């Protein structure tokens, strides 16, 4: 049975911790919702998102969470301020996702049209064979050299 990942306070994070965000993919600027923290900028972005706690994977982490020096609940509330750069990344991700969804819809439409065309082609072929066979005793071979 799969065990839930432990939860740590945002102030316990450091490079080398593998985190799993409990956010929708479009609600953060990262490419994926689980990753190894490699640099301080990633920590800053996590704080900008207003997260107080995240899940972390001890098996995939290269470092251990930091020990909290004070009671995190006694700290002042976190004011969410997303930098323009992070907002730009999230906006780009949303736009890219929208384009991908439109592309997927077009592919589904083309696939349906292709299936209809194949069906119509088979019907024409079958009708022409049955018409020919009713007019001739021996229908033509599809491979005349056989």
Protein backbone atom coordinates (compact mmCIF):
# COMPACT_ATOMS: atom_id res chain seq x y z
CA UNK A 1 0.00 0.00 0.00
CA UNK A 2 1.26 3.47 -0.87
CA UNK A 3 2.20 5.57 2.15
CA UNK A 4 1.42 9.31 2.02
CA UNK A 5 4.45 11.56 1.81
CA UNK A 6 5.48 13.44 4.95
CA UNK A 7 4.60 17.12 5.20
CA UNK A 8 7.17 19.78 6.07
CA UNK A 9 6.94 23.49 6.75
CA UNK A 10 8.14 25.76 3.96
CA UNK A 11 10.91 27.05 6.25
CA UNK A 12 12.36 23.53 6.47
CA UNK A 13 13.05 23.36 2.74
CA UNK A 14 16.51 23.66 1.28
CA UNK A 15 18.22 22.59 -1.95
CA UNK A 16 18.28 18.82 -2.17
CA UNK A 17 14.71 18.29 -0.89
CA UNK A 18 12.37 16.54 -3.35
CA UNK A 19 8.95 18.20 -3.03
CA UNK A 20 5.49 17.34 -4.25
CA UNK A 21 3.09 20.27 -4.63
CA UNK A 22 -0.56 19.75 -3.80
CA UNK A 23 -1.55 22.35 -6.37
CA UNK A 24 -3.07 22.10 -9.79
CA UNK A 25 -0.54 22.12 -12.59
CA UNK A 26 -1.69 25.58 -13.74
CA UNK A 27 -1.49 27.03 -10.22
CA UNK A 28 2.30 27.20 -10.11
CA UNK A 29 5.05 28.19 -12.56
CA UNK A 30 7.02 24.92 -12.36
CA UNK A 31 6.96 22.47 -15.27
CA UNK A 32 5.92 19.62 -12.99
CA UNK A 33 4.31 19.38 -9.56
CA UNK A 34 7.09 17.27 -8.06
CA UNK A 35 10.79 18.05 -8.32
CA UNK A 36 14.13 18.25 -6.54
CA UNK A 37 14.84 21.74 -5.22
CA UNK A 38 18.18 22.73 -6.75
CA UNK A 39 18.42 26.46 -6.16
CA UNK A 40 17.28 29.25 -3.88
CA UNK A 41 15.10 30.76 -6.64
CA UNK A 42 12.85 27.70 -6.47
CA UNK A 43 12.48 28.18 -2.72
CA UNK A 44 11.60 31.83 -3.25
CA UNK A 45 8.97 30.86 -5.83
CA UNK A 46 7.43 28.35 -3.41
CA UNK A 47 7.20 31.09 -0.78
CA UNK A 48 5.68 33.49 -3.35
CA UNK A 49 2.90 30.98 -3.90
CA UNK A 50 1.93 31.41 -0.25
CA UNK A 51 2.51 27.78 0.63
CA UNK A 52 3.10 27.10 4.31
CA UNK A 53 3.58 23.33 3.98
CA UNK A 54 4.51 20.92 1.19
CA UNK A 55 4.89 17.18 0.87
CA UNK A 56 8.38 15.85 0.44
CA UNK A 57 9.78 12.50 -0.62
CA UNK A 58 12.58 11.36 1.71
CA UNK A 59 13.59 8.56 -0.69
CA UNK A 60 14.19 10.96 -3.59
CA UNK A 61 15.65 13.78 -1.50
CA UNK A 62 19.40 14.36 -1.29
CA UNK A 63 19.11 16.48 1.87
CA UNK A 64 17.04 16.31 5.03
CA UNK A 65 14.58 19.05 5.98
CA UNK A 66 15.98 21.78 8.19
CA UNK A 67 15.03 21.84 11.85
CA UNK A 68 12.67 24.71 12.65
CA UNK A 69 14.12 27.24 15.08
CA UNK A 70 10.74 28.58 16.22
CA UNK A 71 7.08 27.70 16.11
CA UNK A 72 6.08 28.29 12.46
CA UNK A 73 2.45 28.85 13.43
CA UNK A 74 3.51 31.77 15.64
CA UNK A 75 5.08 33.56 12.68
CA UNK A 76 3.29 36.34 10.91
CA UNK A 77 0.95 35.20 8.15
CA UNK A 78 2.51 34.85 4.72
CA UNK A 79 1.50 37.56 2.30
CA UNK A 80 1.25 36.15 -1.18
CA UNK A 81 3.12 38.23 -3.70
CA UNK A 82 3.85 36.54 -6.98
CA UNK A 83 6.68 38.19 -8.86
CA UNK A 84 6.04 39.33 -12.42
CA UNK A 85 8.47 36.65 -13.63
CA UNK A 86 6.56 33.85 -11.88
CA UNK A 87 3.24 35.27 -13.08
CA UNK A 88 4.64 35.40 -16.62
CA UNK A 89 5.69 31.72 -16.38
CA UNK A 90 2.24 30.71 -15.12
CA UNK A 91 0.55 32.73 -17.88
CA UNK A 92 2.76 31.11 -20.50
CA UNK A 93 1.94 27.67 -19.13
CA UNK A 94 -1.81 28.42 -19.25
CA UNK A 95 -1.52 29.72 -22.83
CA UNK A 96 0.53 26.68 -23.89
CA UNK A 97 -2.01 24.37 -22.27
CA UNK A 98 -4.83 26.14 -24.11
CA UNK A 99 -2.99 25.75 -27.42
CA UNK A 100 -2.38 22.07 -26.68
CA UNK A 101 -6.09 21.53 -25.94
CA UNK A 102 -7.07 23.24 -29.22
CA UNK A 103 -4.52 21.14 -31.11
CA UNK A 104 -5.89 17.98 -29.48
CA UNK A 105 -9.46 18.92 -30.48
CA UNK A 106 -8.33 19.49 -34.09
CA UNK A 107 -6.59 16.10 -34.10
CA UNK A 108 -9.78 14.41 -32.87
CA UNK A 109 -11.77 16.17 -35.61
CA UNK A 110 -9.26 15.11 -38.30
CA UNK A 111 -9.33 11.56 -36.97
CA UNK A 112 -13.15 11.44 -37.20
CA UNK A 113 -13.04 12.90 -40.72
CA UNK A 114 -10.38 10.39 -41.74
CA UNK A 115 -12.45 7.47 -40.41
CA UNK A 116 -15.51 8.77 -42.29
CA UNK A 117 -13.46 9.09 -45.49
CA UNK A 118 -12.11 5.56 -45.11
CA UNK A 119 -15.65 4.26 -44.55
CA UNK A 120 -16.93 6.11 -47.61
CA UNK A 121 -14.03 4.77 -49.69
CA UNK A 122 -14.77 1.20 -48.57
CA UNK A 123 -18.45 1.67 -49.45
CA UNK A 124 -17.59 2.94 -52.93
CA UNK A 125 -15.15 0.07 -53.44
CA UNK A 126 -17.65 -2.53 -52.23
CA UNK A 127 -20.44 -1.07 -54.38
CA UNK A 128 -18.23 -1.05 -57.46
CA UNK A 129 -17.18 -4.67 -56.85
CA UNK A 130 -20.74 -5.83 -56.30
CA UNK A 131 -21.92 -3.90 -59.37
CA UNK A 132 -19.16 -5.41 -61.47
CA UNK A 133 -19.78 -8.92 -60.15
CA UNK A 134 -23.49 -8.67 -60.92
CA UNK A 135 -22.63 -7.62 -64.51
CA UNK A 136 -19.81 -10.15 -64.99
CA UNK A 137 -19.46 -13.78 -64.11
CA UNK A 138 -15.95 -13.47 -62.70
CA UNK A 139 -14.98 -10.36 -60.73
CA UNK A 140 -11.57 -8.89 -61.58
CA UNK A 141 -8.64 -9.79 -59.43
CA UNK A 142 -7.24 -7.03 -57.31
CA UNK A 143 -3.82 -8.28 -58.43
CA UNK A 144 -4.01 -8.67 -62.21
CA UNK A 145 -0.57 -10.28 -62.44
CA UNK A 146 -1.48 -13.13 -60.09
